[in-house]
Amino acid sequence: MLKGYGRRLLGALGIATVTGSALAPQAAEARNAPALWSVSDADTTVYLFGTIHLLPENYKWRSPALEKAVTGSQELVVETLIDDKNPTATAMTLMQMALATGLSPIDQRVPPEKRAALDAAIAKSGIPKAALDRMKTWAAAFMLLGVQFRDMGLKTKEGVEPNLKASFTSEGKPIGQLETNAEQFGFFDALPEKAQRALLEGAVDSPKQSSSQFKSMLTAWQHGDVKAIATSFNHDLAASPELRDALLSKRNANWTRWIEERMKKPGAVMIAVGAGHLAGKGSVVDLLQRDGLHVRRIQ
């Protein structure tokens, strides 16, 4: 079973979330820094920065190397754009895909030994069980994961993307996206039910277990430990080839093609995507290198 995968998925693979302590803020600068790469040729540079989408307040992750890349980039490109001041459009897109008829009751979609945990998570969320019964399993998992993230002291507004977007917006630089909200949610919507139920099971893990798992991933990211990030995701995804294909492999291939096309234009751009997409075999970094592009880790 995909223990803890839901948190790592939203945290380091990067799926839009509109939900939003066990993790204390950092007291000092990280010993190292999150990984940063450049892909370059004679007249083009694309910076690749692996992100965490939800963080505790006052978590320190910006570094001189990153600041130089931000200053030198003419545009920021993230996975998908959410209007932080008015996320209603994203929420509506989610709900349009989330609701369906003829579904099994939500408590029938987890094993018997998980039902008490599910009931506790539902009670804490304040969401009527009848509403979750009408949601597809992946969407119900999203809703319950939002409660876990809040309990862990994690906030979307503290994540990397809002922080970077603020920097680029303040300088009047444009911000683009690799996927629409509908495309992102569509990856989940297309998952087989077995894979969706794996997400739901991960969403009702105990808060203590959730905190420990997320903290391990956060530490690896903070220290730029790409190998540890890749190992973690390979372990989680080994049990579900469907999740790997839909949420990692296909998206990595799409983004690699986007970057290779962007390399035909002069200038500098920063791409900020979930750290899990830039780690290990089959990552965007790996695919670019296989295609013969000059990829250099600069942090």
C-alpha atoms as a PDB file:
ATOM      1  CA  MET A   1       0.000   0.000   0.000  1.00  0.00           C
ATOM      2  CA  LEU A   2       1.143   3.557  -0.706  1.00  0.00           C
ATOM      3  CA  LYS A   3       1.952   4.607   2.831  1.00  0.00           C
ATOM      4  CA  GLY A   4       2.148   8.379   3.074  1.00  0.00           C
ATOM      5  CA  TYR A   5       1.967   8.837  -0.662  1.00  0.00           C
ATOM      6  CA  GLY A   6      -0.870  11.363  -0.603  1.00  0.00           C
ATOM      7  CA  ARG A   7       1.184  13.899   1.320  1.00  0.00           C
ATOM      8  CA  ARG A   8       4.303  13.428  -0.772  1.00  0.00           C
ATOM      9  CA  LEU A   9       2.199  13.530  -3.929  1.00  0.00           C
ATOM     10  CA  LEU A  10       0.697  16.939  -3.247  1.00  0.00           C
ATOM     11  CA  GLY A  11       3.844  18.162  -1.575  1.00  0.00           C
ATOM     12  CA  ALA A  12       6.531  17.227  -4.049  1.00  0.00           C
ATOM     13  CA  LEU A  13       4.875  16.048  -7.251  1.00  0.00           C
ATOM     14  CA  GLY A  14       2.767  19.108  -7.477  1.00  0.00           C
ATOM     15  CA  ILE A  15      -0.947  19.029  -7.864  1.00  0.00           C
ATOM     16  CA  ALA A  16      -3.095  22.112  -7.419  1.00  0.00           C
ATOM     17  CA  THR A  17      -4.654  22.215  -3.970  1.00  0.00           C
ATOM     18  CA  VAL A  18      -7.236  24.672  -2.707  1.00  0.00           C
ATOM     19  CA  THR A  19      -7.438  23.194   0.804  1.00  0.00           C
ATOM     20  CA  GLY A  20      -5.382  24.360   3.018  1.00  0.00           C
ATOM     21  CA  SER A  21       1.627  21.910  14.794  1.00  0.00           C
ATOM     22  CA  ALA A  22       3.483  18.933  14.041  1.00  0.00           C
ATOM     23  CA  LEU A  23       6.112  20.687  11.956  1.00  0.00           C
ATOM     24  CA  ALA A  24       7.873  23.581  13.620  1.00  0.00           C
ATOM     25  CA  PRO A  25       9.214  26.532  11.599  1.00  0.00           C
ATOM     26  CA  GLN A  26      12.907  26.456  10.870  1.00  0.00           C
ATOM     27  CA  ALA A  27      14.970  28.412  13.335  1.00  0.00           C
ATOM     28  CA  ALA A  28      17.996  28.838  11.104  1.00  0.00           C
ATOM     29  CA  GLU A  29      19.150  28.609   7.510  1.00  0.00           C
ATOM     30  CA  ALA A  30      19.222  25.166   5.942  1.00  0.00           C
ATOM     31  CA  ARG A  31      22.580  23.441   5.994  1.00  0.00           C
ATOM     32  CA  ASN A  32      22.316  23.023   2.238  1.00  0.00           C
ATOM     33  CA  ALA A  33      19.625  24.212  -0.148  1.00  0.00           C
ATOM     34  CA  PRO A  34      16.969  22.749  -2.445  1.00  0.00           C
ATOM     35  CA  ALA A  35      18.246  21.510  -5.786  1.00  0.00           C
ATOM     36  CA  LEU A  36      18.473  23.912  -8.713  1.00  0.00           C
ATOM     37  CA  TRP A  37      19.593  23.140 -12.284  1.00  0.00           C
ATOM     38  CA  SER A  38      20.194  25.116 -15.466  1.00  0.00           C
ATOM     39  CA  VAL A  39      19.588  23.910 -19.010  1.00  0.00           C
ATOM     40  CA  SER A  40      21.459  26.113 -21.422  1.00  0.00           C
ATOM     41  CA  ASP A  41      22.742  26.690 -24.930  1.00  0.00           C
ATOM     42  CA  ALA A  42      24.303  29.703 -26.639  1.00  0.00           C
ATOM     43  CA  ASP A  43      21.376  32.088 -26.119  1.00  0.00           C
ATOM     44  CA  THR A  44      18.889  30.346 -23.795  1.00  0.00           C
ATOM     45  CA  THR A  45      18.831  29.345 -20.141  1.00  0.00           C
ATOM     46  CA  VAL A  46      16.048  27.419 -18.428  1.00  0.00           C
ATOM     47  CA  TYR A  47      16.356  27.106 -14.659  1.00  0.00           C
ATOM     48  CA  LEU A  48      14.719  24.062 -13.054  1.00  0.00           C
ATOM     49  CA  PHE A  49      13.795  24.395  -9.390  1.00  0.00           C
ATOM     50  CA  GLY A  50      12.185  21.563  -7.466  1.00  0.00           C
ATOM     51  CA  THR A  51       9.494  22.780  -5.089  1.00  0.00           C
ATOM     52  CA  ILE A  52       7.385  21.849  -2.102  1.00  0.00           C
ATOM     53  CA  HIS A  53       3.850  23.146  -2.498  1.00  0.00           C
ATOM     54  CA  LEU A  54       2.920  23.475   1.175  1.00  0.00           C
ATOM     55  CA  LEU A  55       5.270  24.618   3.938  1.00  0.00           C
ATOM     56  CA  PRO A  56       5.163  25.720   7.579  1.00  0.00           C
ATOM     57  CA  GLU A  57       5.262  29.442   8.287  1.00  0.00           C
ATOM     58  CA  ASN A  58       8.692  31.116   8.180  1.00  0.00           C
ATOM     59  CA  TYR A  59      10.388  28.132   6.586  1.00  0.00           C
ATOM     60  CA  LYS A  60      13.665  29.333   5.082  1.00  0.00           C
ATOM     61  CA  TRP A  61      14.631  27.956   1.676  1.00  0.00           C
ATOM     62  CA  ARG A  62      15.759  30.841  -0.541  1.00  0.00           C
ATOM     63  CA  SER A  63      19.496  31.054  -1.236  1.00  0.00           C
ATOM     64  CA  PRO A  64      21.951  33.365  -3.061  1.00  0.00           C
ATOM     65  CA  ALA A  65      22.119  30.986  -6.042  1.00  0.00           C
ATOM     66  CA  LEU A  66      18.351  30.912  -6.329  1.00  0.00           C
ATOM     67  CA  GLU A  67      18.091  34.684  -5.977  1.00  0.00           C
ATOM     68  CA  LYS A  68      20.566  35.094  -8.837  1.00  0.00           C
ATOM     69  CA  ALA A  69      18.486  32.768 -11.010  1.00  0.00           C
ATOM     70  CA  VAL A  70      15.271  34.605 -10.127  1.00  0.00           C
ATOM     71  CA  THR A  71      16.838  37.963 -10.945  1.00  0.00           C
ATOM     72  CA  GLY A  72      18.221  36.650 -14.212  1.00  0.00           C
ATOM     73  CA  SER A  73      14.976  35.066 -15.399  1.00  0.00           C
ATOM     74  CA  GLN A  74      12.537  36.995 -17.551  1.00  0.00           C
ATOM     75  CA  GLU A  75       9.594  34.699 -16.811  1.00  0.00           C
ATOM     76  CA  LEU A  76       8.384  32.181 -14.241  1.00  0.00           C
ATOM     77  CA  VAL A  77       6.554  29.015 -15.317  1.00  0.00           C
ATOM     78  CA  VAL A  78       4.769  26.864 -12.731  1.00  0.00           C
ATOM     79  CA  GLU A  79       2.743  23.683 -13.042  1.00  0.00           C
ATOM     80  CA  THR A  80      -0.629  25.409 -12.963  1.00  0.00           C
ATOM     81  CA  LEU A  81      -1.926  28.848 -12.047  1.00  0.00           C
ATOM     82  CA  ILE A  82      -4.323  29.444  -9.165  1.00  0.00           C
ATOM     83  CA  ASP A  83      -5.612  32.896  -8.355  1.00  0.00           C
ATOM     84  CA  ASP A  84      -4.564  33.090  -4.712  1.00  0.00           C
ATOM     85  CA  LYS A  85      -6.952  35.972  -4.042  1.00  0.00           C
ATOM     86  CA  ASN A  86      -9.904  34.195  -5.642  1.00  0.00           C
ATOM     87  CA  PRO A  87      -9.447  30.414  -5.861  1.00  0.00           C
ATOM     88  CA  THR A  88     -13.143  29.895  -6.637  1.00  0.00           C
ATOM     89  CA  ALA A  89     -12.510  29.019 -10.284  1.00  0.00           C
ATOM     90  CA  THR A  90     -10.115  26.234  -9.306  1.00  0.00           C
ATOM     91  CA  ALA A  91     -12.537  24.942  -6.675  1.00  0.00           C
ATOM     92  CA  MET A  92     -15.359  24.915  -9.222  1.00  0.00           C
ATOM     93  CA  THR A  93     -13.209  23.018 -11.706  1.00  0.00           C
ATOM     94  CA  LEU A  94     -12.448  20.467  -9.015  1.00  0.00           C
ATOM     95  CA  MET A  95     -16.091  19.991  -8.060  1.00  0.00           C
ATOM     96  CA  GLN A  96     -17.231  19.668 -11.664  1.00  0.00           C
ATOM     97  CA  MET A  97     -14.966  16.634 -11.961  1.00  0.00           C
ATOM     98  CA  ALA A  98     -15.424  15.368  -8.409  1.00  0.00           C
ATOM     99  CA  LEU A  99     -19.128  14.601  -8.298  1.00  0.00           C
ATOM    100  CA  ALA A 100     -20.696  11.459  -9.731  1.00  0.00           C
ATOM    101  CA  THR A 101     -23.708   9.210  -9.261  1.00  0.00           C
ATOM    102  CA  GLY A 102     -23.845   5.515  -8.448  1.00  0.00           C
ATOM    103  CA  LEU A 103     -20.759   5.533  -6.216  1.00  0.00           C
ATOM    104  CA  SER A 104     -20.192   3.238  -3.270  1.00  0.00           C
ATOM    105  CA  PRO A 105     -20.514   4.889   0.168  1.00  0.00           C
ATOM    106  CA  ILE A 106     -17.180   6.402   1.144  1.00  0.00           C
ATOM    107  CA  ASP A 107     -16.665   4.000   4.040  1.00  0.00           C
ATOM    108  CA  GLN A 108     -16.937   1.058   1.632  1.00  0.00           C
ATOM    109  CA  ARG A 109     -13.943   2.361  -0.309  1.00  0.00           C
ATOM    110  CA  VAL A 110     -11.384   1.605   2.417  1.00  0.00           C
ATOM    111  CA  PRO A 111     -10.581  -1.742   4.072  1.00  0.00           C
ATOM    112  CA  PRO A 112     -12.481  -2.538   7.296  1.00  0.00           C
ATOM    113  CA  GLU A 113      -9.406  -1.841   9.421  1.00  0.00           C
ATOM    114  CA  LYS A 114      -9.223   1.717   8.022  1.00  0.00           C
ATOM    115  CA  ARG A 115     -12.854   2.673   8.624  1.00  0.00           C
ATOM    116  CA  ALA A 116     -12.410   3.983  12.145  1.00  0.00           C
ATOM    117  CA  ALA A 117      -9.597   6.241  10.916  1.00  0.00           C
ATOM    118  CA  LEU A 118     -11.768   7.365   8.023  1.00  0.00           C
ATOM    119  CA  ASP A 119     -14.653   8.202  10.352  1.00  0.00           C
ATOM    120  CA  ALA A 120     -12.305  10.218  12.572  1.00  0.00           C
ATOM    121  CA  ALA A 121     -10.911  12.121   9.580  1.00  0.00           C
ATOM    122  CA  ILE A 122     -14.408  12.902   8.301  1.00  0.00           C
ATOM    123  CA  ALA A 123     -15.513  14.136  11.720  1.00  0.00           C
ATOM    124  CA  LYS A 124     -12.493  16.406  11.979  1.00  0.00           C
ATOM    125  CA  SER A 125     -13.008  17.785   8.472  1.00  0.00           C
ATOM    126  CA  GLY A 126     -16.555  18.927   9.132  1.00  0.00           C
ATOM    127  CA  ILE A 127     -17.545  17.692   5.664  1.00  0.00           C
ATOM    128  CA  PRO A 128     -20.859  15.790   5.733  1.00  0.00           C
ATOM    129  CA  LYS A 129     -20.354  12.121   5.012  1.00  0.00           C
ATOM    130  CA  ALA A 130     -23.208  12.321   2.502  1.00  0.00           C
ATOM    131  CA  ALA A 131     -21.190  14.857   0.508  1.00  0.00           C
ATOM    132  CA  LEU A 132     -18.143  12.572   0.412  1.00  0.00           C
ATOM    133  CA  ASP A 133     -20.363   9.679  -0.663  1.00  0.00           C
ATOM    134  CA  ARG A 134     -21.141  11.653  -3.826  1.00  0.00           C
ATOM    135  CA  MET A 135     -17.478  12.401  -4.573  1.00  0.00           C
ATOM    136  CA  LYS A 136     -15.149  10.280  -6.628  1.00  0.00           C
ATOM    137  CA  THR A 137     -12.549   8.634  -4.440  1.00  0.00           C
ATOM    138  CA  TRP A 138      -9.621  10.797  -5.524  1.00  0.00           C
ATOM    139  CA  ALA A 139     -11.592  13.968  -4.758  1.00  0.00           C
ATOM    140  CA  ALA A 140     -12.633  12.720  -1.326  1.00  0.00           C
ATOM    141  CA  ALA A 141      -8.960  11.987  -0.640  1.00  0.00           C
ATOM    142  CA  PHE A 142      -8.112  15.589  -1.588  1.00  0.00           C
ATOM    143  CA  MET A 143     -10.629  16.943   0.886  1.00  0.00           C
ATOM    144  CA  LEU A 144      -9.394  14.831   3.756  1.00  0.00           C
ATOM    145  CA  LEU A 145      -5.747  15.508   2.966  1.00  0.00           C
ATOM    146  CA  GLY A 146      -6.494  19.208   3.343  1.00  0.00           C
ATOM    147  CA  VAL A 147      -7.423  18.577   6.972  1.00  0.00           C
ATOM    148  CA  GLN A 148      -4.190  16.672   7.560  1.00  0.00           C
ATOM    149  CA  PHE A 149      -2.131  19.470   6.068  1.00  0.00           C
ATOM    150  CA  ARG A 150      -3.755  22.040   8.332  1.00  0.00           C
ATOM    151  CA  ASP A 151      -3.154  19.840  11.372  1.00  0.00           C
ATOM    152  CA  MET A 152       0.503  19.577  10.375  1.00  0.00           C
ATOM    153  CA  GLY A 153       0.848  23.358  10.203  1.00  0.00           C
ATOM    154  CA  LEU A 154       1.307  23.366   6.415  1.00  0.00           C
ATOM    155  CA  LYS A 155      -0.103  26.167   4.305  1.00  0.00           C
ATOM    156  CA  THR A 156      -0.425  26.596   0.571  1.00  0.00           C
ATOM    157  CA  LYS A 157       0.337  30.317   0.848  1.00  0.00           C
ATOM    158  CA  GLU A 158       3.684  29.465   2.486  1.00  0.00           C
ATOM    159  CA  GLY A 159       4.665  27.136  -0.365  1.00  0.00           C
ATOM    160  CA  VAL A 160       7.402  27.827  -2.877  1.00  0.00           C
ATOM    161  CA  GLU A 161       5.223  28.805  -5.830  1.00  0.00           C
ATOM    162  CA  PRO A 162       3.315  31.670  -4.165  1.00  0.00           C
ATOM    163  CA  ASN A 163       6.625  33.010  -2.877  1.00  0.00           C
ATOM    164  CA  LEU A 164       8.253  32.923  -6.301  1.00  0.00           C
ATOM    165  CA  LYS A 165       5.146  34.315  -7.985  1.00  0.00           C
ATOM    166  CA  ALA A 166       5.266  37.298  -5.642  1.00  0.00           C
ATOM    167  CA  SER A 167       8.901  37.962  -6.580  1.00  0.00           C
ATOM    168  CA  PHE A 168       8.206  37.874 -10.321  1.00  0.00           C
ATOM    169  CA  THR A 169       4.978  39.868 -10.051  1.00  0.00           C
ATOM    170  CA  SER A 170       6.716  42.611  -8.080  1.00  0.00           C
ATOM    171  CA  GLU A 171       9.156  43.003 -10.968  1.00  0.00           C
ATOM    172  CA  GLY A 172       6.434  42.997 -13.595  1.00  0.00           C
ATOM    173  CA  LYS A 173       7.611  39.687 -15.040  1.00  0.00           C
ATOM    174  CA  PRO A 174       5.071  37.309 -16.621  1.00  0.00           C
ATOM    175  CA  ILE A 175       4.042  33.987 -15.059  1.00  0.00           C
ATOM    176  CA  GLY A 176       2.967  31.028 -17.173  1.00  0.00           C
ATOM    177  CA  GLN A 177       1.799  27.474 -16.600  1.00  0.00           C
ATOM    178  CA  LEU A 178       2.547  24.012 -17.941  1.00  0.00           C
ATOM    179  CA  GLU A 179      -0.955  22.638 -17.296  1.00  0.00           C
ATOM    180  CA  THR A 180      -4.420  24.020 -16.698  1.00  0.00           C
ATOM    181  CA  ASN A 181      -6.263  23.246 -13.456  1.00  0.00           C
ATOM    182  CA  ALA A 182      -8.562  20.915 -15.390  1.00  0.00           C
ATOM    183  CA  GLU A 183      -5.625  19.045 -16.877  1.00  0.00           C
ATOM    184  CA  GLN A 184      -4.081  18.521 -13.443  1.00  0.00           C
ATOM    185  CA  PHE A 185      -7.285  17.241 -11.869  1.00  0.00           C
ATOM    186  CA  GLY A 186      -7.855  15.152 -14.971  1.00  0.00           C
ATOM    187  CA  PHE A 187      -4.794  13.050 -14.195  1.00  0.00           C
ATOM    188  CA  PHE A 188      -6.477  11.958 -10.968  1.00  0.00           C
ATOM    189  CA  ASP A 189      -9.889  11.619 -12.552  1.00  0.00           C
ATOM    190  CA  ALA A 190      -8.502   9.134 -15.079  1.00  0.00           C
ATOM    191  CA  LEU A 191      -6.934   6.886 -12.429  1.00  0.00           C
ATOM    192  CA  PRO A 192      -8.405   3.424 -11.941  1.00  0.00           C
ATOM    193  CA  GLU A 193     -10.444   3.059  -8.766  1.00  0.00           C
ATOM    194  CA  LYS A 194      -7.791   0.891  -7.106  1.00  0.00           C
ATOM    195  CA  ALA A 195      -5.244   3.690  -7.386  1.00  0.00           C
ATOM    196  CA  GLN A 196      -7.753   6.265  -6.157  1.00  0.00           C
ATOM    197  CA  ARG A 197      -8.479   4.156  -3.089  1.00  0.00           C
ATOM    198  CA  ALA A 198      -4.775   3.976  -2.326  1.00  0.00           C
ATOM    199  CA  LEU A 199      -4.797   7.776  -2.135  1.00  0.00           C
ATOM    200  CA  LEU A 200      -7.800   7.728   0.172  1.00  0.00           C
ATOM    201  CA  GLU A 201      -6.124   5.272   2.530  1.00  0.00           C
ATOM    202  CA  GLY A 202      -3.088   7.510   2.733  1.00  0.00           C
ATOM    203  CA  ALA A 203      -5.338  10.468   3.515  1.00  0.00           C
ATOM    204  CA  VAL A 204      -6.598   8.922   6.749  1.00  0.00           C
ATOM    205  CA  ASP A 205      -3.255   7.902   8.289  1.00  0.00           C
ATOM    206  CA  SER A 206      -2.647   9.001  11.857  1.00  0.00           C
ATOM    207  CA  PRO A 207      -1.448  12.612  12.324  1.00  0.00           C
ATOM    208  CA  LYS A 208       1.744  11.382  14.007  1.00  0.00           C
ATOM    209  CA  GLN A 209       2.559   9.099  11.087  1.00  0.00           C
ATOM    210  CA  SER A 210       1.660  11.806   8.586  1.00  0.00           C
ATOM    211  CA  SER A 211       3.938  14.335  10.251  1.00  0.00           C
ATOM    212  CA  SER A 212       6.881  11.961  10.371  1.00  0.00           C
ATOM    213  CA  GLN A 213       6.571  10.990   6.716  1.00  0.00           C
ATOM    214  CA  PHE A 214       6.229  14.549   5.482  1.00  0.00           C
ATOM    215  CA  LYS A 215       9.084  15.762   7.648  1.00  0.00           C
ATOM    216  CA  SER A 216      11.417  13.145   6.135  1.00  0.00           C
ATOM    217  CA  MET A 217      10.552  14.299   2.651  1.00  0.00           C
ATOM    218  CA  LEU A 218      10.888  17.945   3.641  1.00  0.00           C
ATOM    219  CA  THR A 219      14.343  17.335   5.109  1.00  0.00           C
ATOM    220  CA  ALA A 220      15.515  15.654   1.913  1.00  0.00           C
ATOM    221  CA  TRP A 221      14.249  18.588  -0.136  1.00  0.00           C
ATOM    222  CA  GLN A 222      15.756  21.165   2.208  1.00  0.00           C
ATOM    223  CA  HIS A 223      19.179  19.534   1.902  1.00  0.00           C
ATOM    224  CA  GLY A 224      19.007  19.128  -1.868  1.00  0.00           C
ATOM    225  CA  ASP A 225      19.108  15.348  -1.435  1.00  0.00           C
ATOM    226  CA  VAL A 226      17.750  14.371  -4.832  1.00  0.00           C
ATOM    227  CA  LYS A 227      18.701  10.725  -4.348  1.00  0.00           C
ATOM    228  CA  ALA A 228      16.596  10.484  -1.172  1.00  0.00           C
ATOM    229  CA  ILE A 229      13.629  12.122  -2.901  1.00  0.00           C
ATOM    230  CA  ALA A 230      13.880   9.689  -5.820  1.00  0.00           C
ATOM    231  CA  THR A 231      14.208   6.706  -3.491  1.00  0.00           C
ATOM    232  CA  SER A 232      11.119   7.761  -1.562  1.00  0.00           C
ATOM    233  CA  PHE A 233       8.973   8.160  -4.657  1.00  0.00           C
ATOM    234  CA  ASN A 234      10.230   4.951  -6.255  1.00  0.00           C
ATOM    235  CA  HIS A 235       9.280   3.086  -3.090  1.00  0.00           C
ATOM    236  CA  ASP A 236       5.821   4.623  -2.941  1.00  0.00           C
ATOM    237  CA  LEU A 237       5.024   4.222  -6.626  1.00  0.00           C
ATOM    238  CA  ALA A 238       6.279   0.645  -6.931  1.00  0.00           C
ATOM    239  CA  ALA A 239       2.879  -0.537  -5.692  1.00  0.00           C
ATOM    240  CA  SER A 240       0.925   1.417  -8.317  1.00  0.00           C
ATOM    241  CA  PRO A 241       2.202   1.566 -11.911  1.00  0.00           C
ATOM    242  CA  GLU A 242      -0.995   3.451 -12.798  1.00  0.00           C
ATOM    243  CA  LEU A 243      -0.106   6.300 -10.460  1.00  0.00           C
ATOM    244  CA  ARG A 244       3.470   6.402 -11.715  1.00  0.00           C
ATOM    245  CA  ASP A 245       2.392   6.538 -15.335  1.00  0.00           C
ATOM    246  CA  ALA A 246      -0.391   9.109 -14.954  1.00  0.00           C
ATOM    247  CA  LEU A 247       1.093  11.444 -12.373  1.00  0.00           C
ATOM    248  CA  LEU A 248       4.815  11.187 -13.001  1.00  0.00           C
ATOM    249  CA  SER A 249       5.891   9.604 -16.296  1.00  0.00           C
ATOM    250  CA  LYS A 250       3.388  11.263 -18.638  1.00  0.00           C
ATOM    251  CA  ARG A 251       3.777  14.667 -17.092  1.00  0.00           C
ATOM    252  CA  ASN A 252       7.582  14.469 -17.079  1.00  0.00           C
ATOM    253  CA  ALA A 253       7.539  13.613 -20.779  1.00  0.00           C
ATOM    254  CA  ASN A 254       5.150  16.487 -21.535  1.00  0.00           C
ATOM    255  CA  TRP A 255       7.257  18.990 -19.640  1.00  0.00           C
ATOM    256  CA  THR A 256      10.485  17.773 -21.231  1.00  0.00           C
ATOM    257  CA  ARG A 257       9.011  18.451 -24.660  1.00  0.00           C
ATOM    258  CA  TRP A 258       7.901  21.906 -23.504  1.00  0.00           C
ATOM    259  CA  ILE A 259      11.416  22.745 -22.300  1.00  0.00           C
ATOM    260  CA  GLU A 260      13.043  21.482 -25.472  1.00  0.00           C
ATOM    261  CA  GLU A 261      10.715  23.662 -27.521  1.00  0.00           C
ATOM    262  CA  ARG A 262      11.427  26.646 -25.258  1.00  0.00           C
ATOM    263  CA  MET A 263      15.160  26.177 -25.820  1.00  0.00           C
ATOM    264  CA  LYS A 264      14.613  27.312 -29.414  1.00  0.00           C
ATOM    265  CA  LYS A 265      13.889  30.833 -28.151  1.00  0.00           C
ATOM    266  CA  PRO A 266      16.481  33.172 -26.617  1.00  0.00           C
ATOM    267  CA  GLY A 267      16.279  34.419 -23.052  1.00  0.00           C
ATOM    268  CA  ALA A 268      16.043  33.003 -19.540  1.00  0.00           C
ATOM    269  CA  VAL A 269      13.075  31.407 -17.815  1.00  0.00           C
ATOM    270  CA  MET A 270      12.601  29.721 -14.438  1.00  0.00           C
ATOM    271  CA  ILE A 271      10.479  26.583 -14.204  1.00  0.00           C
ATOM    272  CA  ALA A 272       9.318  25.664 -10.703  1.00  0.00           C
ATOM    273  CA  VAL A 273       7.732  22.213 -10.394  1.00  0.00           C
ATOM    274  CA  GLY A 274       7.333  19.626  -7.652  1.00  0.00           C
ATOM    275  CA  ALA A 275      10.675  18.208  -6.537  1.00  0.00           C
ATOM    276  CA  GLY A 276       9.565  14.650  -7.289  1.00  0.00           C
ATOM    277  CA  HIS A 277       9.534  15.491 -11.010  1.00  0.00           C
ATOM    278  CA  LEU A 278      13.236  16.393 -11.011  1.00  0.00           C
ATOM    279  CA  ALA A 279      14.596  13.424  -9.067  1.00  0.00           C
ATOM    280  CA  GLY A 280      15.941  10.133 -10.328  1.00  0.00           C
ATOM    281  CA  LYS A 281      15.511   7.970 -13.395  1.00  0.00           C
ATOM    282  CA  GLY A 282      12.767   9.155 -15.723  1.00  0.00           C
ATOM    283  CA  SER A 283      12.724  12.640 -14.197  1.00  0.00           C
ATOM    284  CA  VAL A 284      12.649  15.773 -16.319  1.00  0.00           C
ATOM    285  CA  VAL A 285      16.355  16.255 -15.617  1.00  0.00           C
ATOM    286  CA  ASP A 286      17.107  12.693 -16.700  1.00  0.00           C
ATOM    287  CA  LEU A 287      15.016  12.940 -19.870  1.00  0.00           C
ATOM    288  CA  LEU A 288      16.659  16.207 -20.903  1.00  0.00           C
ATOM    289  CA  GLN A 289      20.102  14.696 -20.395  1.00  0.00           C
ATOM    290  CA  ARG A 290      19.151  11.636 -22.441  1.00  0.00           C
ATOM    291  CA  ASP A 291      18.100  13.954 -25.260  1.00  0.00           C
ATOM    292  CA  GLY A 292      21.541  15.539 -25.242  1.00  0.00           C
ATOM    293  CA  LEU A 293      20.809  18.887 -23.602  1.00  0.00           C
ATOM    294  CA  HIS A 294      23.390  20.510 -21.347  1.00  0.00           C
ATOM    295  CA  VAL A 295      21.971  20.227 -17.838  1.00  0.00           C
ATOM    296  CA  ARG A 296      24.068  21.498 -14.956  1.00  0.00           C
ATOM    297  CA  ARG A 297      23.245  21.415 -11.272  1.00  0.00           C
ATOM    298  CA  ILE A 298      24.054  24.805  -9.791  1.00  0.00           C
ATOM    299  CA  GLN A 299      22.712  24.221  -6.270  1.00  0.00           C
END
